[in-house]
Each structure stands twice: as C-alpha cells, then as structure tokens.
N, C-alpha and C. Protein backbone atom coordinates (compact mmCIF):
# COMPACT_ATOMS: atom_id res chain seq x y z
N UNK A 1 -11.95 28.37 15.29
CA UNK A 1 -11.84 27.37 14.32
C UNK A 1 -12.37 26.02 14.97
N UNK A 2 -12.05 25.77 16.17
CA UNK A 2 -12.48 24.55 16.83
C UNK A 2 -14.20 24.14 16.45
N UNK A 3 -14.80 25.24 16.92
CA UNK A 3 -16.34 25.05 16.83
C UNK A 3 -16.78 24.86 15.32
N UNK A 4 -16.37 25.56 14.29
CA UNK A 4 -16.79 25.42 13.04
C UNK A 4 -16.34 24.20 12.43
N UNK A 5 -15.32 23.74 12.76
CA UNK A 5 -14.60 22.44 12.14
C UNK A 5 -15.33 21.17 12.86
N UNK A 6 -15.56 21.35 14.09
CA UNK A 6 -16.30 20.01 14.76
C UNK A 6 -17.66 20.16 14.23
N UNK A 7 -18.39 21.13 14.07
CA UNK A 7 -19.84 21.20 13.70
C UNK A 7 -19.91 20.64 12.20
N UNK A 8 -19.14 21.02 11.41
CA UNK A 8 -18.86 20.58 10.07
C UNK A 8 -18.65 19.05 9.90
N UNK A 9 -17.41 18.64 10.84
CA UNK A 9 -17.31 17.15 10.80
C UNK A 9 -18.38 16.35 11.22
N UNK A 10 -19.17 16.78 12.28
CA UNK A 10 -20.26 16.22 12.81
C UNK A 10 -21.40 16.01 11.77
N UNK A 11 -21.58 17.03 10.98
CA UNK A 11 -22.57 17.12 9.93
C UNK A 11 -22.06 15.98 8.88
N UNK A 12 -20.82 15.95 8.54
CA UNK A 12 -20.46 14.93 7.45
C UNK A 12 -20.63 13.45 8.17
N UNK A 13 -20.14 13.43 9.20
CA UNK A 13 -20.48 12.03 10.00
C UNK A 13 -21.99 11.53 9.89
N UNK A 14 -22.74 12.56 10.34
CA UNK A 14 -24.26 12.11 10.45
C UNK A 14 -24.74 12.05 8.79
N UNK A 15 -24.19 12.78 8.02
CA UNK A 15 -24.93 12.67 6.48
C UNK A 15 -24.46 11.25 6.04
N UNK A 16 -23.30 11.02 6.17
CA UNK A 16 -22.58 9.95 5.26
C UNK A 16 -22.27 8.55 6.09
N UNK A 17 -22.56 8.61 7.37
CA UNK A 17 -22.05 7.54 8.22
C UNK A 17 -23.32 6.89 8.75
N UNK A 18 -23.23 5.79 9.56
CA UNK A 18 -21.87 5.36 10.15
C UNK A 18 -21.58 4.15 9.08
N UNK A 19 -22.36 3.56 8.13
CA UNK A 19 -22.02 2.45 7.54
C UNK A 19 -21.03 2.56 6.33
N UNK A 20 -20.96 3.79 5.71
CA UNK A 20 -20.11 4.00 4.66
C UNK A 20 -19.09 4.95 4.88
N UNK A 21 -19.12 5.74 6.01
CA UNK A 21 -18.09 6.69 6.29
C UNK A 21 -18.01 7.10 7.76
N UNK A 22 -16.92 7.27 8.31
CA UNK A 22 -16.76 7.67 9.65
C UNK A 22 -15.77 8.90 9.74
N UNK A 23 -16.00 9.70 10.53
CA UNK A 23 -14.91 10.81 10.89
C UNK A 23 -14.27 10.10 12.06
N UNK A 24 -12.91 9.99 12.09
CA UNK A 24 -11.97 9.64 13.14
C UNK A 24 -11.14 10.89 13.44
N UNK A 25 -11.29 11.41 14.73
CA UNK A 25 -10.58 12.48 15.21
C UNK A 25 -9.36 12.27 16.11
N UNK A 26 -8.39 12.80 15.71
CA UNK A 26 -6.99 12.37 16.63
C UNK A 26 -6.33 13.69 17.14
N UNK A 27 -6.79 14.29 18.11
CA UNK A 27 -6.32 15.49 18.80
C UNK A 27 -4.75 15.49 18.65
N UNK A 28 -4.07 16.74 18.58
CA UNK A 28 -2.78 16.85 18.66
C UNK A 28 -2.31 18.21 19.28
N UNK A 29 -1.29 18.16 19.85
CA UNK A 29 -0.86 19.40 20.52
C UNK A 29 0.55 19.93 19.90
N UNK A 30 0.93 19.57 18.62
CA UNK A 30 2.16 19.99 18.10
C UNK A 30 1.98 21.29 17.21
N UNK A 31 0.97 21.89 17.34
CA UNK A 31 0.78 23.14 16.36
C UNK A 31 0.73 24.30 17.47
N UNK A 32 1.45 24.92 17.85
CA UNK A 32 1.47 26.19 18.49
C UNK A 32 0.81 25.96 19.98
N UNK A 33 0.94 24.81 20.48
CA UNK A 33 0.31 24.34 21.81
C UNK A 33 -1.07 24.65 21.84
N UNK A 34 -1.75 24.33 20.59
CA UNK A 34 -3.34 24.65 20.43
C UNK A 34 -4.22 23.70 21.14
N UNK A 35 -3.73 22.53 21.57
CA UNK A 35 -4.48 21.63 22.37
C UNK A 35 -3.82 20.93 23.55
N UNK A 36 -3.61 21.92 24.62
CA UNK A 36 -3.02 21.48 25.70
C UNK A 36 -3.78 20.53 26.71
N UNK A 37 -4.97 20.53 26.60
CA UNK A 37 -5.90 19.84 27.52
C UNK A 37 -5.49 18.30 27.43
N UNK A 38 -6.07 17.60 28.60
CA UNK A 38 -5.87 15.95 28.48
C UNK A 38 -6.96 15.47 27.50
N UNK A 39 -6.57 14.35 26.92
CA UNK A 39 -7.49 13.71 25.93
C UNK A 39 -9.17 13.64 26.30
N UNK A 40 -9.30 13.31 27.63
CA UNK A 40 -10.53 13.06 28.05
C UNK A 40 -11.28 14.43 28.11
N UNK A 41 -10.59 15.59 28.29
CA UNK A 41 -11.27 16.85 28.40
C UNK A 41 -11.45 17.28 26.91
N UNK A 42 -10.79 16.86 26.06
CA UNK A 42 -10.85 17.39 24.70
C UNK A 42 -12.14 16.69 24.14
N UNK A 43 -12.26 15.38 24.39
CA UNK A 43 -13.56 14.59 24.10
C UNK A 43 -14.88 15.15 24.61
N UNK A 44 -14.63 15.37 25.94
CA UNK A 44 -15.73 15.79 26.87
C UNK A 44 -16.43 17.19 26.24
N UNK A 45 -15.35 17.97 25.84
CA UNK A 45 -15.61 19.35 25.53
C UNK A 45 -16.33 19.32 24.13
N UNK A 46 -15.85 18.56 23.04
CA UNK A 46 -16.30 18.35 21.80
C UNK A 46 -17.69 17.73 21.81
N UNK A 47 -18.00 16.82 22.88
CA UNK A 47 -19.26 16.16 22.75
C UNK A 47 -20.29 16.96 23.45
N UNK A 48 -20.02 17.44 24.59
CA UNK A 48 -20.93 18.44 25.03
C UNK A 48 -21.34 20.11 24.58
N UNK A 49 -20.29 20.54 23.93
CA UNK A 49 -20.35 21.77 23.38
C UNK A 49 -20.98 21.62 21.75
N UNK A 50 -20.45 20.59 21.17
CA UNK A 50 -20.76 20.66 19.71
C UNK A 50 -21.56 19.21 19.22
N UNK A 51 -21.94 18.56 20.19
CA UNK A 51 -22.63 17.44 19.94
C UNK A 51 -22.08 16.13 19.03
N UNK A 52 -20.68 16.36 19.08
CA UNK A 52 -19.82 15.40 18.49
C UNK A 52 -20.19 13.86 18.70
N UNK A 53 -20.48 13.01 17.76
CA UNK A 53 -20.63 11.73 18.03
C UNK A 53 -19.57 10.69 17.38
N UNK A 54 -18.74 11.28 16.56
CA UNK A 54 -17.69 10.40 15.92
C UNK A 54 -16.54 10.13 16.89
N UNK A 55 -15.87 9.02 16.64
CA UNK A 55 -14.76 8.66 17.57
C UNK A 55 -13.74 9.79 17.83
N UNK A 56 -13.33 10.02 18.91
CA UNK A 56 -12.36 10.98 19.22
C UNK A 56 -11.29 10.14 19.99
N UNK A 57 -10.03 10.00 19.53
CA UNK A 57 -9.11 9.13 20.20
C UNK A 57 -8.32 9.79 20.88
N UNK A 58 -7.31 9.19 21.63
CA UNK A 58 -6.36 9.80 22.64
C UNK A 58 -5.39 10.90 21.72
N UNK A 59 -4.94 11.92 22.32
CA UNK A 59 -4.03 12.94 21.96
C UNK A 59 -2.86 12.14 21.47
N UNK A 60 -2.41 12.43 20.32
CA UNK A 60 -1.20 11.74 19.50
C UNK A 60 -0.26 12.84 19.02
N UNK A 61 0.84 12.11 18.64
CA UNK A 61 1.96 13.18 17.84
C UNK A 61 1.72 12.56 16.40
N UNK A 62 1.71 13.72 15.50
CA UNK A 62 1.55 13.29 14.23
C UNK A 62 2.69 13.71 13.24
N UNK A 63 3.67 14.38 13.94
CA UNK A 63 4.85 14.99 13.16
C UNK A 63 6.24 14.39 13.84
N UNK A 64 7.04 14.34 13.16
CA UNK A 64 8.47 13.95 13.65
C UNK A 64 8.80 12.37 13.86
N UNK A 65 9.61 11.96 14.67
CA UNK A 65 10.00 10.54 14.68
C UNK A 65 8.98 9.96 15.79
N UNK A 66 8.19 10.70 16.47
CA UNK A 66 7.44 10.16 17.51
C UNK A 66 5.96 10.12 16.99
N UNK A 67 5.79 10.39 15.66
CA UNK A 67 4.61 10.37 15.02
C UNK A 67 3.76 8.79 15.26
N UNK A 68 2.54 8.90 15.37
CA UNK A 68 1.82 7.62 15.32
C UNK A 68 2.20 6.96 13.89
N UNK A 69 2.17 5.65 13.97
CA UNK A 69 2.25 4.93 12.56
C UNK A 69 1.13 5.09 11.60
N UNK A 70 -0.14 5.42 12.13
CA UNK A 70 -1.22 5.66 11.16
C UNK A 70 -0.98 6.98 10.48
N UNK A 71 -0.25 8.10 11.17
CA UNK A 71 -0.10 9.31 10.69
C UNK A 71 1.00 9.49 9.62
N UNK A 72 2.09 8.50 10.07
CA UNK A 72 3.12 8.33 9.13
C UNK A 72 2.66 7.93 7.77
N UNK A 73 1.76 6.79 8.00
CA UNK A 73 1.32 6.30 6.73
C UNK A 73 0.52 7.27 5.89
N UNK A 74 -0.41 8.05 6.62
CA UNK A 74 -1.23 9.16 5.69
C UNK A 74 -0.07 10.17 5.20
N UNK A 75 0.76 10.65 5.78
CA UNK A 75 1.81 11.54 5.40
C UNK A 75 2.55 11.10 4.14
N UNK A 76 3.09 9.75 4.39
CA UNK A 76 3.75 9.15 3.34
C UNK A 76 3.11 8.92 2.02
N UNK A 77 1.64 8.64 2.34
CA UNK A 77 0.95 8.37 1.22
C UNK A 77 0.39 9.59 0.32
N UNK A 78 0.21 10.46 1.08
CA UNK A 78 -0.30 11.86 0.46
C UNK A 78 0.81 12.75 0.12
N UNK A 79 1.97 12.43 0.72
CA UNK A 79 3.10 13.37 0.39
C UNK A 79 2.79 14.77 0.98
N UNK A 80 1.91 14.87 1.98
CA UNK A 80 1.43 16.14 2.50
C UNK A 80 1.46 15.95 4.20
N UNK A 81 2.34 16.75 4.85
CA UNK A 81 2.36 16.85 6.07
C UNK A 81 1.57 17.93 6.66
N UNK A 82 0.69 17.61 7.73
CA UNK A 82 -0.22 18.62 8.34
C UNK A 82 0.41 19.73 8.72
N UNK A 83 0.07 20.95 8.75
CA UNK A 83 0.81 22.30 9.08
C UNK A 83 -0.07 22.74 10.45
N UNK A 84 -1.25 22.13 10.61
CA UNK A 84 -2.14 22.70 11.65
C UNK A 84 -3.14 21.59 12.01
N UNK A 85 -3.94 21.86 13.06
CA UNK A 85 -4.93 20.89 13.48
C UNK A 85 -6.01 20.91 12.32
N UNK A 86 -6.88 19.84 12.37
CA UNK A 86 -7.88 19.79 11.41
C UNK A 86 -7.64 19.39 10.02
N UNK A 87 -6.46 18.96 9.75
CA UNK A 87 -6.08 18.46 8.57
C UNK A 87 -6.93 17.22 8.15
N UNK A 88 -7.42 17.11 7.05
CA UNK A 88 -8.29 16.15 6.68
C UNK A 88 -7.77 15.13 5.55
N UNK A 89 -7.79 13.84 5.95
CA UNK A 89 -7.48 12.89 4.80
C UNK A 89 -8.73 11.84 4.62
N UNK A 90 -8.86 11.56 3.35
CA UNK A 90 -9.95 10.64 2.80
C UNK A 90 -9.32 9.44 2.60
N UNK A 91 -9.84 8.43 3.14
CA UNK A 91 -9.02 6.96 2.88
C UNK A 91 -10.15 5.96 2.51
N UNK A 92 -9.73 5.41 1.28
CA UNK A 92 -10.84 4.30 0.73
C UNK A 92 -10.81 3.05 1.57
N UNK A 93 -11.53 2.12 1.16
CA UNK A 93 -11.73 0.75 1.89
C UNK A 93 -10.45 0.02 1.61
N UNK A 94 -9.74 0.12 0.60
CA UNK A 94 -8.48 -0.59 0.40
C UNK A 94 -7.20 0.10 1.39
N UNK A 95 -7.58 1.24 2.19
CA UNK A 95 -6.61 1.92 2.85
C UNK A 95 -5.78 2.81 2.20
N UNK A 96 -6.30 3.30 1.01
CA UNK A 96 -5.37 4.26 0.10
C UNK A 96 -5.85 5.66 0.39
N UNK A 97 -4.87 6.59 0.57
CA UNK A 97 -5.23 7.99 0.87
C UNK A 97 -5.66 8.46 -0.46
N UNK A 98 -6.94 8.87 -0.56
CA UNK A 98 -7.32 9.47 -2.01
C UNK A 98 -7.45 11.10 -2.19
N UNK A 99 -7.52 11.52 -1.04
CA UNK A 99 -7.62 13.02 -0.96
C UNK A 99 -7.34 13.45 0.37
N UNK A 100 -6.77 14.73 0.42
CA UNK A 100 -6.48 15.46 1.65
C UNK A 100 -7.04 16.97 1.55
N UNK A 101 -7.24 17.52 2.81
CA UNK A 101 -7.60 19.02 2.75
C UNK A 101 -7.04 19.69 4.00
N UNK A 102 -6.65 20.82 3.74
CA UNK A 102 -6.14 21.72 4.53
C UNK A 102 -7.28 22.24 5.60
N UNK A 103 -6.98 22.73 6.70
CA UNK A 103 -8.01 23.24 7.59
C UNK A 103 -8.97 24.36 7.23
N UNK A 104 -8.42 25.22 6.32
CA UNK A 104 -9.06 26.29 5.73
C UNK A 104 -10.00 26.15 4.60
N UNK A 105 -9.79 24.77 4.03
CA UNK A 105 -10.55 24.52 2.92
C UNK A 105 -12.03 24.36 3.25
N UNK A 106 -13.10 24.89 2.65
CA UNK A 106 -14.56 24.79 2.98
C UNK A 106 -15.09 23.43 3.04
N UNK A 107 -15.83 23.06 3.50
CA UNK A 107 -16.53 21.66 3.65
C UNK A 107 -17.38 21.45 2.40
N UNK A 108 -17.80 22.49 1.75
CA UNK A 108 -18.40 22.27 0.44
C UNK A 108 -17.50 21.71 -0.48
N UNK A 109 -16.27 21.78 -0.40
CA UNK A 109 -15.45 21.35 -1.41
C UNK A 109 -15.13 19.86 -0.86
N UNK A 110 -15.24 19.49 0.40
CA UNK A 110 -15.06 17.96 0.63
C UNK A 110 -16.27 17.17 0.46
N UNK A 111 -17.40 17.67 0.77
CA UNK A 111 -18.51 16.76 0.55
C UNK A 111 -18.72 16.01 -0.83
N UNK A 112 -18.57 16.57 -1.76
CA UNK A 112 -18.54 15.83 -3.18
C UNK A 112 -17.51 14.75 -3.24
N UNK A 113 -16.39 14.90 -2.75
CA UNK A 113 -15.41 13.88 -2.81
C UNK A 113 -15.77 12.57 -1.78
N UNK A 114 -16.39 12.95 -0.84
CA UNK A 114 -16.86 11.89 0.10
C UNK A 114 -17.99 11.11 -0.70
N UNK A 115 -19.06 11.73 -1.07
CA UNK A 115 -20.14 11.25 -1.77
C UNK A 115 -19.56 10.38 -2.92
N UNK A 116 -18.77 10.92 -3.82
CA UNK A 116 -18.19 10.08 -4.83
C UNK A 116 -17.55 8.88 -4.51
N UNK A 117 -16.75 8.95 -3.47
CA UNK A 117 -16.03 7.70 -2.97
C UNK A 117 -17.21 6.67 -2.55
N UNK A 118 -18.11 7.19 -1.71
CA UNK A 118 -19.16 6.13 -1.17
C UNK A 118 -20.21 5.52 -2.38
N UNK A 119 -20.35 6.45 -3.56
CA UNK A 119 -20.86 5.92 -4.62
C UNK A 119 -20.21 4.68 -5.21
N UNK A 120 -18.93 4.86 -5.39
CA UNK A 120 -17.97 3.87 -5.87
C UNK A 120 -18.06 2.67 -5.04
N UNK A 121 -17.88 2.79 -3.64
CA UNK A 121 -18.05 1.55 -2.73
C UNK A 121 -19.38 0.81 -2.88
N UNK A 122 -20.52 1.59 -3.27
CA UNK A 122 -21.74 0.94 -3.14
C UNK A 122 -21.95 0.21 -4.49
N UNK A 123 -21.27 0.94 -5.64
CA UNK A 123 -21.35 0.16 -6.94
C UNK A 123 -20.54 -1.15 -6.82
N UNK A 124 -19.13 -1.15 -6.26
CA UNK A 124 -18.51 -2.13 -6.20
C UNK A 124 -19.17 -3.24 -5.22
N UNK A 125 -19.78 -2.96 -4.15
CA UNK A 125 -20.47 -3.97 -3.49
C UNK A 125 -21.52 -4.72 -4.32
N UNK A 126 -22.52 -3.80 -5.05
CA UNK A 126 -23.54 -4.26 -5.90
C UNK A 126 -22.80 -5.32 -6.94
N UNK A 127 -21.82 -4.96 -7.50
CA UNK A 127 -21.08 -5.73 -8.51
C UNK A 127 -20.52 -6.97 -7.98
N UNK A 128 -20.13 -6.95 -6.64
CA UNK A 128 -19.51 -8.28 -6.14
C UNK A 128 -20.64 -9.14 -5.53
N UNK A 129 -21.96 -8.87 -5.59
CA UNK A 129 -22.98 -9.65 -5.31
C UNK A 129 -23.41 -10.79 -6.32
C-alpha cells in the first residue's frame, strides 16, 4: 500500500502544487506497528524509492491523548478518526476540513474535489483583486 499511496500522492502534489495545493505527510506508527522506522529513514525511503517531493514531517501520534494538536483539530473538525495510515484530509485556505478520505478510496475520487477547491480559491483571488 505504501508504494501505491506514495506515488499517487506525489502525482497529486505535482499536478496541483506547489502554489495552490500541497501534500503534507505525517508518518505514524499507531496502526499495527506499521511504521517502526525512524522519521529520517521513512523520509529517505519515500524520496529515493518513490520520488516523493512533498514535505514529510517527523513521525507523530495522531490518536489518543498524545495526539498532535493538528491532528486533534482534523479529527474534531471532520468527526472522523483515522483507522490506518494514509488517511487523507482536504483543508481549505481558511483552515476548515472540507473532505476526508480513507486509505482504500481511489485517487480518482480525490482529484475532482481538490480541483474544485483550487478553482474556488482562484475565483476568490480574482474577485478580491
């Protein structure tokens, strides 16, 4: 799953970024000990094996009382707690969670939502000029 997810996320990052959209990766080892490696090793592996260029942050906890504040916000806003790695949240420029996806959802279902949000951002910027 890591390979397919990483490649698809990189494709989205390349297609829509870096000015209007960015993928931000937060590795986590709270799901079946699925990511036991140190943060630097995770980043190095993703960059060298899958050509990932989006930011990969240090490994964090996203569940429970030790969850990082950013993920507490995402979970509280969406009312959906991740059940496995590669859970995805789409956040608008106002910091609101507008959509989320489970790891098994196809990227073809994600792309239109990202494109629609970017269109809204561009239209709003033009109106503000």
